[in-house]
Amino acid sequence: MLVKVLTLAATALPAALAALPGTLELFAYSNGQQTGCINGYGNFTENPQWCYPFRSFVTTDPDSNLKGYDYCSVDTGVLNCYPGSGNNGIFHPSVSDLATDPTGTAFSIAALPADPSDNVGVPLIVGGGGSIPLVLNVKAVSG
């Protein structure tokens, strides 16, 4: 009986891990190479100094809201984590990448930041509308 209980518990484990980690960083990849990360505003930056630890709050597993400097929205077609930026966006994991509906894991930017040390970065477009396609890899953060 104990083996059956442990087997049932082990099979239920992947569903419990389906949501985004509670604290995470988002690393941007283009053509399989890490090109930058996402700062607390929701913008792409090339400088790892400005990578920001986002918080995720599960709404309905596996869907979550994200919070950078404020709750993140995708209402305007870009990722905005500014105060008053719109309705909370719904995000979920897709293997180890960030996804949102209806664009899935597709994100992009129109151009790289003019100054790689810029802390504000450039807007992150939700979907493939920009000239540089990106995938956002989710990395759990602790501490």
N, C-alpha and C. Protein backbone atom coordinates (compact mmCIF):
# COMPACT_ATOMS: atom_id res chain seq x y z
N MET A 1 0.81 -1.20 0.00
CA MET A 1 0.00 0.00 0.00
C MET A 1 0.86 1.27 0.00
N LEU A 2 1.94 1.26 0.78
CA LEU A 2 2.83 2.41 0.83
C LEU A 2 3.45 2.70 -0.54
N VAL A 3 3.81 1.64 -1.28
CA VAL A 3 4.37 1.81 -2.62
C VAL A 3 3.35 2.47 -3.52
N LYS A 4 2.08 2.08 -3.43
CA LYS A 4 1.03 2.66 -4.26
C LYS A 4 0.85 4.15 -3.93
N VAL A 5 0.87 4.51 -2.65
CA VAL A 5 0.73 5.91 -2.24
C VAL A 5 1.91 6.73 -2.76
N LEU A 6 3.14 6.21 -2.62
CA LEU A 6 4.32 6.92 -3.10
C LEU A 6 4.29 7.07 -4.61
N THR A 7 3.81 6.05 -5.32
CA THR A 7 3.71 6.12 -6.78
C THR A 7 2.71 7.19 -7.19
N LEU A 8 1.56 7.24 -6.52
CA LEU A 8 0.56 8.27 -6.83
C LEU A 8 1.10 9.66 -6.53
N ALA A 9 1.81 9.82 -5.44
CA ALA A 9 2.39 11.12 -5.10
C ALA A 9 3.43 11.54 -6.13
N ALA A 10 4.25 10.61 -6.58
CA ALA A 10 5.28 10.93 -7.58
C ALA A 10 4.68 11.30 -8.91
N THR A 11 3.58 10.66 -9.31
CA THR A 11 2.95 11.00 -10.59
C THR A 11 2.26 12.34 -10.52
N ALA A 12 1.86 12.81 -9.34
CA ALA A 12 1.20 14.11 -9.20
C ALA A 12 2.21 15.25 -9.15
N LEU A 13 3.48 14.95 -8.90
CA LEU A 13 4.50 15.97 -8.75
C LEU A 13 4.66 16.89 -9.95
N PRO A 14 4.73 16.40 -11.22
CA PRO A 14 4.92 17.32 -12.34
C PRO A 14 3.80 18.36 -12.45
N ALA A 15 2.58 18.01 -12.13
CA ALA A 15 1.49 18.98 -12.21
C ALA A 15 1.70 20.10 -11.21
N ALA A 16 2.24 19.77 -10.03
CA ALA A 16 2.48 20.79 -9.01
C ALA A 16 3.59 21.74 -9.45
N LEU A 17 4.50 21.29 -10.29
CA LEU A 17 5.60 22.12 -10.74
C LEU A 17 5.31 22.83 -12.06
N ALA A 18 4.06 22.78 -12.50
CA ALA A 18 3.71 23.34 -13.81
C ALA A 18 3.68 24.86 -13.81
N ALA A 19 3.50 25.50 -12.65
CA ALA A 19 3.44 26.96 -12.60
C ALA A 19 4.84 27.56 -12.62
N LEU A 20 4.91 28.85 -12.89
CA LEU A 20 6.19 29.57 -12.85
C LEU A 20 6.75 29.57 -11.43
N PRO A 21 8.09 29.61 -11.29
CA PRO A 21 8.67 29.72 -9.95
C PRO A 21 8.22 31.01 -9.27
N GLY A 22 8.21 31.03 -7.96
CA GLY A 22 7.78 32.21 -7.22
C GLY A 22 8.64 33.44 -7.47
N THR A 23 9.94 33.26 -7.60
CA THR A 23 10.86 34.34 -7.95
C THR A 23 11.68 33.87 -9.13
N LEU A 24 11.79 34.71 -10.14
CA LEU A 24 12.45 34.29 -11.38
C LEU A 24 13.09 35.46 -12.09
N GLU A 25 14.07 35.13 -12.92
CA GLU A 25 14.64 36.11 -13.85
C GLU A 25 14.34 35.63 -15.25
N LEU A 26 14.24 36.57 -16.18
CA LEU A 26 13.93 36.26 -17.58
C LEU A 26 15.14 36.60 -18.44
N PHE A 27 15.71 35.58 -19.04
CA PHE A 27 16.87 35.76 -19.91
C PHE A 27 16.42 35.63 -21.35
N ALA A 28 16.84 36.59 -22.19
CA ALA A 28 16.42 36.66 -23.59
C ALA A 28 17.42 35.93 -24.48
N TYR A 29 16.88 35.07 -25.35
CA TYR A 29 17.69 34.32 -26.31
C TYR A 29 17.22 34.62 -27.72
N SER A 30 18.19 34.78 -28.62
CA SER A 30 17.92 34.95 -30.04
C SER A 30 18.83 33.99 -30.80
N ASN A 31 18.23 33.19 -31.64
CA ASN A 31 18.99 32.18 -32.41
C ASN A 31 19.83 31.28 -31.50
N GLY A 32 19.29 30.93 -30.33
CA GLY A 32 19.97 30.02 -29.42
C GLY A 32 21.06 30.64 -28.57
N GLN A 33 21.31 31.94 -28.71
CA GLN A 33 22.34 32.64 -27.94
C GLN A 33 21.70 33.63 -26.97
N GLN A 34 22.20 33.65 -25.73
CA GLN A 34 21.68 34.64 -24.79
C GLN A 34 22.15 36.02 -25.22
N THR A 35 21.18 36.92 -25.39
CA THR A 35 21.49 38.27 -25.85
C THR A 35 21.24 39.33 -24.79
N GLY A 36 20.51 38.99 -23.74
CA GLY A 36 20.20 39.96 -22.71
C GLY A 36 19.23 39.39 -21.71
N CYS A 37 18.54 40.29 -21.03
CA CYS A 37 17.57 39.89 -20.02
C CYS A 37 16.47 40.96 -19.95
N ILE A 38 15.52 40.74 -19.06
CA ILE A 38 14.40 41.67 -18.92
C ILE A 38 14.54 42.38 -17.58
N ASN A 39 14.44 43.71 -17.63
CA ASN A 39 14.57 44.50 -16.40
C ASN A 39 13.21 44.66 -15.72
N GLY A 40 13.18 45.33 -14.61
CA GLY A 40 11.96 45.47 -13.82
C GLY A 40 10.84 46.23 -14.50
N TYR A 41 11.16 47.03 -15.52
CA TYR A 41 10.15 47.74 -16.30
C TYR A 41 9.46 46.81 -17.31
N GLY A 42 10.08 45.65 -17.58
CA GLY A 42 9.58 44.75 -18.62
C GLY A 42 10.28 44.97 -19.94
N ASN A 43 11.37 45.74 -19.93
CA ASN A 43 12.12 46.04 -21.15
C ASN A 43 13.33 45.11 -21.30
N PHE A 44 13.76 44.94 -22.55
CA PHE A 44 14.96 44.17 -22.86
C PHE A 44 16.18 45.03 -22.60
N THR A 45 17.19 44.45 -21.96
CA THR A 45 18.46 45.13 -21.76
C THR A 45 19.59 44.14 -22.01
N GLU A 46 20.70 44.64 -22.52
CA GLU A 46 21.87 43.79 -22.77
C GLU A 46 22.77 43.67 -21.54
N ASN A 47 22.63 44.58 -20.59
CA ASN A 47 23.50 44.62 -19.43
C ASN A 47 22.95 43.74 -18.31
N PRO A 48 23.65 42.65 -17.95
CA PRO A 48 23.15 41.75 -16.91
C PRO A 48 23.00 42.41 -15.55
N GLN A 49 23.62 43.57 -15.35
CA GLN A 49 23.47 44.31 -14.10
C GLN A 49 22.01 44.70 -13.88
N TRP A 50 21.24 44.85 -14.96
CA TRP A 50 19.86 45.33 -14.85
C TRP A 50 18.83 44.22 -14.91
N CYS A 51 19.27 42.94 -14.93
CA CYS A 51 18.31 41.83 -14.84
C CYS A 51 17.55 41.97 -13.53
N TYR A 52 16.28 41.66 -13.53
CA TYR A 52 15.45 41.92 -12.37
C TYR A 52 14.76 40.66 -11.90
N PRO A 53 14.72 40.42 -10.59
CA PRO A 53 13.99 39.24 -10.09
C PRO A 53 12.49 39.51 -10.02
N PHE A 54 11.76 38.93 -10.93
CA PHE A 54 10.30 39.06 -10.96
C PHE A 54 9.68 38.13 -9.93
N ARG A 55 8.50 38.49 -9.47
CA ARG A 55 7.69 37.61 -8.62
C ARG A 55 6.54 37.11 -9.47
N SER A 56 6.17 35.85 -9.27
CA SER A 56 5.00 35.32 -9.96
C SER A 56 3.96 34.92 -8.92
N PHE A 57 2.71 35.13 -9.27
CA PHE A 57 1.60 34.81 -8.39
C PHE A 57 0.63 33.95 -9.18
N VAL A 58 0.46 32.70 -8.76
CA VAL A 58 -0.40 31.77 -9.48
C VAL A 58 -1.84 32.25 -9.39
N THR A 59 -2.49 32.34 -10.55
CA THR A 59 -3.92 32.67 -10.59
C THR A 59 -4.70 31.37 -10.67
N THR A 60 -4.52 30.61 -11.71
CA THR A 60 -5.07 29.27 -11.89
C THR A 60 -3.95 28.46 -12.51
N ASP A 61 -3.45 27.46 -11.78
CA ASP A 61 -2.31 26.67 -12.24
C ASP A 61 -2.53 26.20 -13.67
N PRO A 62 -1.64 26.44 -14.63
CA PRO A 62 -0.29 26.97 -14.49
C PRO A 62 -0.19 28.47 -14.75
N ASP A 63 -1.31 29.17 -14.84
CA ASP A 63 -1.28 30.61 -15.16
C ASP A 63 -0.88 31.45 -13.95
N SER A 64 -0.10 32.50 -14.23
CA SER A 64 0.40 33.38 -13.17
C SER A 64 0.40 34.82 -13.63
N ASN A 65 0.35 35.73 -12.66
CA ASN A 65 0.65 37.14 -12.91
C ASN A 65 2.11 37.35 -12.58
N LEU A 66 2.75 38.30 -13.26
CA LEU A 66 4.15 38.64 -12.98
C LEU A 66 4.22 40.04 -12.40
N LYS A 67 5.18 40.24 -11.51
CA LYS A 67 5.40 41.57 -10.95
C LYS A 67 6.87 41.90 -11.04
N GLY A 68 7.18 42.98 -11.77
CA GLY A 68 8.51 43.56 -11.81
C GLY A 68 8.48 44.75 -10.87
N TYR A 69 8.66 45.97 -11.42
CA TYR A 69 8.48 47.16 -10.58
C TYR A 69 7.02 47.32 -10.19
N ASP A 70 6.12 46.78 -11.00
CA ASP A 70 4.70 46.69 -10.69
C ASP A 70 4.18 45.47 -11.45
N TYR A 71 2.88 45.19 -11.33
CA TYR A 71 2.33 44.06 -12.06
C TYR A 71 2.49 44.28 -13.56
N CYS A 72 2.79 43.22 -14.28
CA CYS A 72 3.08 43.31 -15.71
C CYS A 72 1.82 43.13 -16.54
N SER A 73 1.71 43.93 -17.58
CA SER A 73 0.58 43.92 -18.50
C SER A 73 1.10 43.72 -19.92
N VAL A 74 0.26 43.15 -20.77
CA VAL A 74 0.57 43.03 -22.19
C VAL A 74 -0.53 43.69 -23.03
N ASP A 75 -1.35 44.54 -22.39
CA ASP A 75 -2.50 45.17 -23.05
C ASP A 75 -2.14 45.95 -24.31
N THR A 76 -0.98 46.60 -24.31
CA THR A 76 -0.61 47.47 -25.44
C THR A 76 0.25 46.76 -26.48
N GLY A 77 0.46 45.45 -26.30
CA GLY A 77 1.29 44.71 -27.24
C GLY A 77 2.76 44.68 -26.87
N VAL A 78 3.11 45.31 -25.76
CA VAL A 78 4.47 45.23 -25.22
C VAL A 78 4.35 44.85 -23.74
N LEU A 79 5.43 44.30 -23.20
CA LEU A 79 5.44 43.95 -21.78
C LEU A 79 5.68 45.22 -20.99
N ASN A 80 4.72 45.60 -20.15
CA ASN A 80 4.82 46.80 -19.32
C ASN A 80 4.70 46.42 -17.87
N CYS A 81 5.68 46.78 -17.05
CA CYS A 81 5.64 46.52 -15.62
C CYS A 81 5.75 47.83 -14.85
N TYR A 82 5.15 48.87 -15.40
CA TYR A 82 5.10 50.20 -14.79
C TYR A 82 3.82 50.31 -13.98
N PRO A 83 3.80 51.14 -12.94
CA PRO A 83 2.54 51.37 -12.23
C PRO A 83 1.46 51.89 -13.18
N GLY A 84 0.27 51.35 -13.09
CA GLY A 84 -0.84 51.78 -13.92
C GLY A 84 -0.72 51.40 -15.37
N SER A 85 0.01 50.31 -15.69
CA SER A 85 0.26 49.96 -17.10
C SER A 85 -0.85 49.14 -17.74
N GLY A 86 -1.89 48.80 -17.00
CA GLY A 86 -3.00 48.05 -17.59
C GLY A 86 -3.36 46.84 -16.76
N ASN A 87 -4.19 45.98 -17.34
CA ASN A 87 -4.61 44.77 -16.65
C ASN A 87 -3.44 43.81 -16.49
N ASN A 88 -3.47 43.05 -15.42
CA ASN A 88 -2.42 42.06 -15.20
C ASN A 88 -2.42 41.06 -16.34
N GLY A 89 -1.25 40.84 -16.95
CA GLY A 89 -1.12 39.83 -17.99
C GLY A 89 -1.12 38.44 -17.37
N ILE A 90 -1.49 37.46 -18.16
CA ILE A 90 -1.48 36.07 -17.72
C ILE A 90 -0.32 35.37 -18.42
N PHE A 91 0.56 34.78 -17.63
CA PHE A 91 1.76 34.13 -18.14
C PHE A 91 1.79 32.69 -17.65
N HIS A 92 2.49 31.85 -18.37
CA HIS A 92 2.65 30.46 -17.96
C HIS A 92 3.93 29.91 -18.56
N PRO A 93 4.42 28.81 -17.98
CA PRO A 93 5.64 28.22 -18.53
C PRO A 93 5.33 27.37 -19.76
N SER A 94 6.26 27.33 -20.67
CA SER A 94 6.24 26.41 -21.80
C SER A 94 7.60 25.74 -21.79
N VAL A 95 7.68 24.58 -21.19
CA VAL A 95 8.91 23.89 -20.84
C VAL A 95 9.71 24.83 -19.94
N SER A 96 10.81 25.43 -20.39
CA SER A 96 11.57 26.34 -19.53
C SER A 96 11.47 27.79 -20.00
N ASP A 97 10.52 28.08 -20.90
CA ASP A 97 10.37 29.43 -21.44
C ASP A 97 9.07 30.07 -20.96
N LEU A 98 9.03 31.40 -21.01
CA LEU A 98 7.83 32.14 -20.64
C LEU A 98 6.90 32.20 -21.83
N ALA A 99 5.61 32.02 -21.58
CA ALA A 99 4.60 32.11 -22.63
C ALA A 99 3.45 32.97 -22.15
N THR A 100 2.75 33.58 -23.09
CA THR A 100 1.53 34.30 -22.81
C THR A 100 0.58 34.03 -23.97
N ASP A 101 -0.70 34.17 -23.73
CA ASP A 101 -1.68 33.91 -24.80
C ASP A 101 -2.00 35.22 -25.49
N PRO A 102 -2.20 35.27 -26.77
CA PRO A 102 -2.23 34.15 -27.71
C PRO A 102 -0.90 33.93 -28.44
N THR A 103 0.16 34.62 -28.06
CA THR A 103 1.41 34.56 -28.84
C THR A 103 2.34 33.43 -28.42
N GLY A 104 2.02 32.70 -27.38
CA GLY A 104 2.89 31.62 -26.93
C GLY A 104 4.22 32.17 -26.45
N THR A 105 5.31 31.58 -26.92
CA THR A 105 6.64 32.00 -26.47
C THR A 105 7.27 33.07 -27.36
N ALA A 106 6.52 33.61 -28.31
CA ALA A 106 7.07 34.60 -29.25
C ALA A 106 7.12 35.99 -28.62
N PHE A 107 8.32 36.53 -28.53
CA PHE A 107 8.58 37.90 -28.12
C PHE A 107 9.59 38.47 -29.10
N SER A 108 9.74 39.77 -29.13
CA SER A 108 10.71 40.38 -30.04
C SER A 108 11.01 41.80 -29.60
N ILE A 109 12.04 42.37 -30.22
CA ILE A 109 12.37 43.78 -30.03
C ILE A 109 12.58 44.39 -31.41
N ALA A 110 12.35 45.70 -31.52
CA ALA A 110 12.53 46.38 -32.80
C ALA A 110 14.01 46.57 -33.12
N ALA A 111 14.83 46.81 -32.09
CA ALA A 111 16.27 47.02 -32.27
C ALA A 111 16.96 46.84 -30.93
N LEU A 112 18.24 46.61 -30.96
CA LEU A 112 19.02 46.53 -29.73
C LEU A 112 19.12 47.92 -29.10
N PRO A 113 19.32 47.99 -27.77
CA PRO A 113 19.51 49.31 -27.15
C PRO A 113 20.70 50.04 -27.77
N ALA A 114 20.58 51.35 -27.93
CA ALA A 114 21.67 52.15 -28.51
C ALA A 114 22.91 52.09 -27.63
N ASP A 115 22.72 52.04 -26.32
CA ASP A 115 23.83 51.97 -25.37
C ASP A 115 23.67 50.67 -24.57
N PRO A 116 24.59 49.71 -24.73
CA PRO A 116 24.46 48.43 -24.02
C PRO A 116 24.41 48.56 -22.49
N SER A 117 24.91 49.66 -21.93
CA SER A 117 24.87 49.83 -20.47
C SER A 117 23.59 50.50 -20.00
N ASP A 118 22.69 50.83 -20.93
CA ASP A 118 21.43 51.50 -20.62
C ASP A 118 20.60 50.66 -19.65
N ASN A 119 20.13 51.28 -18.57
CA ASN A 119 19.32 50.55 -17.59
C ASN A 119 17.84 50.53 -17.95
N VAL A 120 17.37 51.43 -18.80
CA VAL A 120 15.95 51.46 -19.17
C VAL A 120 15.65 50.39 -20.21
N GLY A 121 16.54 50.16 -21.14
CA GLY A 121 16.34 49.13 -22.16
C GLY A 121 15.38 49.57 -23.24
N VAL A 122 14.94 48.59 -24.04
CA VAL A 122 14.00 48.85 -25.13
C VAL A 122 12.74 48.02 -24.91
N PRO A 123 11.60 48.49 -25.41
CA PRO A 123 10.34 47.77 -25.21
C PRO A 123 10.40 46.34 -25.75
N LEU A 124 9.83 45.43 -24.99
CA LEU A 124 9.73 44.02 -25.38
C LEU A 124 8.36 43.80 -26.00
N ILE A 125 8.35 43.51 -27.28
CA ILE A 125 7.11 43.31 -28.03
C ILE A 125 6.59 41.91 -27.77
N VAL A 126 5.30 41.80 -27.49
CA VAL A 126 4.66 40.51 -27.29
C VAL A 126 4.28 40.00 -28.67
N GLY A 127 4.92 38.91 -29.10
CA GLY A 127 4.72 38.37 -30.44
C GLY A 127 5.93 38.66 -31.31
N GLY A 128 5.81 38.32 -32.56
CA GLY A 128 6.94 38.43 -33.47
C GLY A 128 6.97 39.68 -34.31
N GLY A 129 6.37 40.78 -33.87
CA GLY A 129 6.30 42.00 -34.66
C GLY A 129 7.59 42.77 -34.80
N GLY A 130 8.57 42.50 -33.96
CA GLY A 130 9.85 43.21 -34.04
C GLY A 130 10.82 42.52 -34.96
N SER A 131 11.91 43.21 -35.29
CA SER A 131 12.88 42.65 -36.24
C SER A 131 13.82 41.62 -35.60
N ILE A 132 13.89 41.57 -34.26
CA ILE A 132 14.76 40.61 -33.58
C ILE A 132 13.89 39.70 -32.72
N PRO A 133 13.65 38.45 -33.18
CA PRO A 133 12.83 37.53 -32.40
C PRO A 133 13.57 37.06 -31.15
N LEU A 134 12.82 36.89 -30.06
CA LEU A 134 13.39 36.46 -28.78
C LEU A 134 12.54 35.36 -28.16
N VAL A 135 13.19 34.54 -27.37
CA VAL A 135 12.54 33.59 -26.48
C VAL A 135 13.01 33.95 -25.08
N LEU A 136 12.09 33.98 -24.12
CA LEU A 136 12.45 34.34 -22.75
C LEU A 136 12.56 33.08 -21.90
N ASN A 137 13.77 32.79 -21.48
CA ASN A 137 14.02 31.61 -20.66
C ASN A 137 13.83 31.98 -19.20
N VAL A 138 13.08 31.14 -18.48
CA VAL A 138 12.77 31.36 -17.06
C VAL A 138 13.83 30.69 -16.21
N LYS A 139 14.45 31.45 -15.32
CA LYS A 139 15.42 30.92 -14.37
C LYS A 139 14.93 31.21 -12.96
N ALA A 140 14.70 30.16 -12.18
CA ALA A 140 14.29 30.33 -10.80
C ALA A 140 15.40 30.99 -10.00
N VAL A 141 15.03 31.86 -9.09
CA VAL A 141 15.98 32.58 -8.24
C VAL A 141 15.59 32.34 -6.79
N SER A 142 16.57 32.15 -5.94
CA SER A 142 16.27 32.01 -4.52
C SER A 142 17.25 32.87 -3.73
N GLY A 143 16.89 33.12 -2.49
CA GLY A 143 17.81 33.85 -1.63
C GLY A 143 17.32 35.19 -1.22
